[in-house]
């Protein structure tokens, strides 16, 4: 898998539509769409563009370049990492519903507990 393929995978995982991947990456990097198109041909992104994409997606820069290691930067371990990985598998509309329920639950606790 090439760098461009991994960048596509990051964008798709973030909910970007297949047809918007290149324009999304261009916007993140502050460059023209045509420059990103070249990444999917024969050129590779410049280091500052890779850094911007890694920051935007909380991605592991080493994975982006080599394909080795974890896709995302994380300090989570064990069960915490499992929860995050499962969360990313949910469709966007399910994520919104779960988050709304969670926020409503947390709001209901304010009277009993101190929540920061």
C-alpha atoms as a PDB file:
ATOM      1  CA  UNK A   1       0.000   0.000   0.000  1.00  0.00           C
ATOM      2  CA  UNK A   2       1.305   3.448  -0.937  1.00  0.00           C
ATOM      3  CA  UNK A   3       1.270   6.610   1.187  1.00  0.00           C
ATOM      4  CA  UNK A   4      -1.634   7.972  -0.854  1.00  0.00           C
ATOM      5  CA  UNK A   5      -3.637   4.814  -0.172  1.00  0.00           C
ATOM      6  CA  UNK A   6      -3.076   5.213   3.565  1.00  0.00           C
ATOM      7  CA  UNK A   7      -4.115   8.872   3.396  1.00  0.00           C
ATOM      8  CA  UNK A   8      -7.297   7.836   1.586  1.00  0.00           C
ATOM      9  CA  UNK A   9      -7.953   5.265   4.296  1.00  0.00           C
ATOM     10  CA  UNK A  10      -7.549   7.893   7.042  1.00  0.00           C
ATOM     11  CA  UNK A  11      -9.959  10.266   5.331  1.00  0.00           C
ATOM     12  CA  UNK A  12     -12.529   7.544   4.694  1.00  0.00           C
ATOM     13  CA  UNK A  13     -12.289   6.394   8.317  1.00  0.00           C
ATOM     14  CA  UNK A  14     -12.989   9.979   9.375  1.00  0.00           C
ATOM     15  CA  UNK A  15     -16.232   9.933   7.407  1.00  0.00           C
ATOM     16  CA  UNK A  16     -15.044  11.758   4.303  1.00  0.00           C
ATOM     17  CA  UNK A  17     -16.782  10.516   1.174  1.00  0.00           C
ATOM     18  CA  UNK A  18     -14.688   8.797  -1.483  1.00  0.00           C
ATOM     19  CA  UNK A  19     -15.268  11.657  -3.920  1.00  0.00           C
ATOM     20  CA  UNK A  20     -14.187  14.288  -1.370  1.00  0.00           C
ATOM     21  CA  UNK A  21     -10.941  12.668  -0.161  1.00  0.00           C
ATOM     22  CA  UNK A  22      -8.553  14.683  -2.322  1.00  0.00           C
ATOM     23  CA  UNK A  23     -10.286  18.022  -1.727  1.00  0.00           C
ATOM     24  CA  UNK A  24     -10.381  17.304   2.033  1.00  0.00           C
ATOM     25  CA  UNK A  25      -6.654  16.536   2.086  1.00  0.00           C
ATOM     26  CA  UNK A  26      -5.944  19.681   0.072  1.00  0.00           C
ATOM     27  CA  UNK A  27      -7.954  21.766   2.530  1.00  0.00           C
ATOM     28  CA  UNK A  28      -6.157  20.257   5.541  1.00  0.00           C
ATOM     29  CA  UNK A  29      -2.783  21.055   3.983  1.00  0.00           C
ATOM     30  CA  UNK A  30      -3.765  24.446   2.595  1.00  0.00           C
ATOM     31  CA  UNK A  31      -2.720  23.457  -0.916  1.00  0.00           C
ATOM     32  CA  UNK A  32      -4.368  23.068  -4.309  1.00  0.00           C
ATOM     33  CA  UNK A  33      -6.391  20.023  -5.258  1.00  0.00           C
ATOM     34  CA  UNK A  34      -4.035  19.382  -8.183  1.00  0.00           C
ATOM     35  CA  UNK A  35      -1.093  18.958  -5.808  1.00  0.00           C
ATOM     36  CA  UNK A  36      -2.968  16.257  -3.920  1.00  0.00           C
ATOM     37  CA  UNK A  37      -3.882  14.561  -7.195  1.00  0.00           C
ATOM     38  CA  UNK A  38      -0.163  14.122  -7.841  1.00  0.00           C
ATOM     39  CA  UNK A  39       0.162  12.124  -4.601  1.00  0.00           C
ATOM     40  CA  UNK A  40      -2.164   9.547  -6.093  1.00  0.00           C
ATOM     41  CA  UNK A  41       0.030   9.422  -9.194  1.00  0.00           C
ATOM     42  CA  UNK A  42       3.765   9.276  -8.702  1.00  0.00           C
ATOM     43  CA  UNK A  43       4.634  11.979  -6.148  1.00  0.00           C
ATOM     44  CA  UNK A  44       4.611  11.728  -2.380  1.00  0.00           C
ATOM     45  CA  UNK A  45       3.408  14.465  -0.026  1.00  0.00           C
ATOM     46  CA  UNK A  46       5.940  16.864   1.462  1.00  0.00           C
ATOM     47  CA  UNK A  47       6.767  16.307   5.142  1.00  0.00           C
ATOM     48  CA  UNK A  48       4.838  19.404   6.250  1.00  0.00           C
ATOM     49  CA  UNK A  49       1.730  18.116   4.458  1.00  0.00           C
ATOM     50  CA  UNK A  50       2.069  14.718   6.123  1.00  0.00           C
ATOM     51  CA  UNK A  51       2.414  16.438   9.494  1.00  0.00           C
ATOM     52  CA  UNK A  52      -0.749  18.490   8.881  1.00  0.00           C
ATOM     53  CA  UNK A  53      -2.725  15.381   7.923  1.00  0.00           C
ATOM     54  CA  UNK A  54      -1.385  13.441  10.901  1.00  0.00           C
ATOM     55  CA  UNK A  55      -2.476  16.257  13.211  1.00  0.00           C
ATOM     56  CA  UNK A  56      -5.924  16.562  11.614  1.00  0.00           C
ATOM     57  CA  UNK A  57      -6.649  12.847  11.933  1.00  0.00           C
ATOM     58  CA  UNK A  58      -4.587  12.118  15.052  1.00  0.00           C
ATOM     59  CA  UNK A  59      -2.708   9.649  12.873  1.00  0.00           C
ATOM     60  CA  UNK A  60       0.600   7.929  13.499  1.00  0.00           C
ATOM     61  CA  UNK A  61       3.081   9.580  11.127  1.00  0.00           C
ATOM     62  CA  UNK A  62       5.207   6.426  10.936  1.00  0.00           C
ATOM     63  CA  UNK A  63       2.165   4.419   9.842  1.00  0.00           C
ATOM     64  CA  UNK A  64       1.341   7.050   7.232  1.00  0.00           C
ATOM     65  CA  UNK A  65       4.833   6.811   5.741  1.00  0.00           C
ATOM     66  CA  UNK A  66       5.658   3.120   6.111  1.00  0.00           C
ATOM     67  CA  UNK A  67       2.419   1.341   6.949  1.00  0.00           C
ATOM     68  CA  UNK A  68       4.037  -0.018  10.114  1.00  0.00           C
ATOM     69  CA  UNK A  69       2.594   0.342  13.595  1.00  0.00           C
ATOM     70  CA  UNK A  70      -0.826   1.585  14.606  1.00  0.00           C
ATOM     71  CA  UNK A  71      -2.846   3.819  12.304  1.00  0.00           C
ATOM     72  CA  UNK A  72      -3.669   6.312  15.041  1.00  0.00           C
ATOM     73  CA  UNK A  73      -1.605   8.052  17.689  1.00  0.00           C
ATOM     74  CA  UNK A  74      -2.827   6.919  21.017  1.00  0.00           C
ATOM     75  CA  UNK A  75      -1.857   6.673  24.613  1.00  0.00           C
ATOM     76  CA  UNK A  76      -4.826   4.445  25.266  1.00  0.00           C
ATOM     77  CA  UNK A  77      -4.285   0.867  26.269  1.00  0.00           C
ATOM     78  CA  UNK A  78      -6.297  -2.306  26.577  1.00  0.00           C
ATOM     79  CA  UNK A  79     -10.029  -1.783  27.028  1.00  0.00           C
ATOM     80  CA  UNK A  80      -9.812   1.967  26.339  1.00  0.00           C
ATOM     81  CA  UNK A  81      -8.302   1.298  22.928  1.00  0.00           C
ATOM     82  CA  UNK A  82     -10.953  -1.359  22.255  1.00  0.00           C
ATOM     83  CA  UNK A  83     -13.699   1.193  22.937  1.00  0.00           C
ATOM     84  CA  UNK A  84     -12.158   3.739  20.552  1.00  0.00           C
ATOM     85  CA  UNK A  85     -11.666   1.154  17.807  1.00  0.00           C
ATOM     86  CA  UNK A  86     -15.280  -0.012  18.135  1.00  0.00           C
ATOM     87  CA  UNK A  87     -16.494   3.620  18.114  1.00  0.00           C
ATOM     88  CA  UNK A  88     -14.783   4.179  14.754  1.00  0.00           C
ATOM     89  CA  UNK A  89     -16.685   1.224  13.298  1.00  0.00           C
ATOM     90  CA  UNK A  90     -20.093   2.824  13.950  1.00  0.00           C
ATOM     91  CA  UNK A  91     -21.777   4.761  11.155  1.00  0.00           C
ATOM     92  CA  UNK A  92     -21.852   8.528  11.719  1.00  0.00           C
ATOM     93  CA  UNK A  93     -25.586   8.636  12.487  1.00  0.00           C
ATOM     94  CA  UNK A  94     -25.120   5.969  15.189  1.00  0.00           C
ATOM     95  CA  UNK A  95     -22.235   7.943  16.695  1.00  0.00           C
ATOM     96  CA  UNK A  96     -24.422  11.044  16.929  1.00  0.00           C
ATOM     97  CA  UNK A  97     -27.223   9.089  18.616  1.00  0.00           C
ATOM     98  CA  UNK A  98     -24.853   7.474  21.137  1.00  0.00           C
ATOM     99  CA  UNK A  99     -23.216  10.799  21.921  1.00  0.00           C
ATOM    100  CA  UNK A 100     -26.606  12.493  22.422  1.00  0.00           C
ATOM    101  CA  UNK A 101     -27.664   9.737  24.833  1.00  0.00           C
ATOM    102  CA  UNK A 102     -24.380   9.983  26.693  1.00  0.00           C
ATOM    103  CA  UNK A 103     -24.653  13.759  27.027  1.00  0.00           C
ATOM    104  CA  UNK A 104     -28.253  13.470  28.276  1.00  0.00           C
ATOM    105  CA  UNK A 105     -27.130  10.891  30.844  1.00  0.00           C
ATOM    106  CA  UNK A 106     -24.247  13.082  32.016  1.00  0.00           C
ATOM    107  CA  UNK A 107     -26.611  16.070  32.286  1.00  0.00           C
ATOM    108  CA  UNK A 108     -28.937  14.007  34.469  1.00  0.00           C
ATOM    109  CA  UNK A 109     -26.057  13.289  36.854  1.00  0.00           C
ATOM    110  CA  UNK A 110     -25.219  16.934  37.455  1.00  0.00           C
ATOM    111  CA  UNK A 111     -27.604  17.109  40.385  1.00  0.00           C
ATOM    112  CA  UNK A 112     -25.962  14.146  42.124  1.00  0.00           C
ATOM    113  CA  UNK A 113     -22.324  14.421  41.110  1.00  0.00           C
ATOM    114  CA  UNK A 114     -19.862  17.104  40.252  1.00  0.00           C
ATOM    115  CA  UNK A 115     -18.921  16.795  36.577  1.00  0.00           C
ATOM    116  CA  UNK A 116     -16.126  18.852  35.108  1.00  0.00           C
END
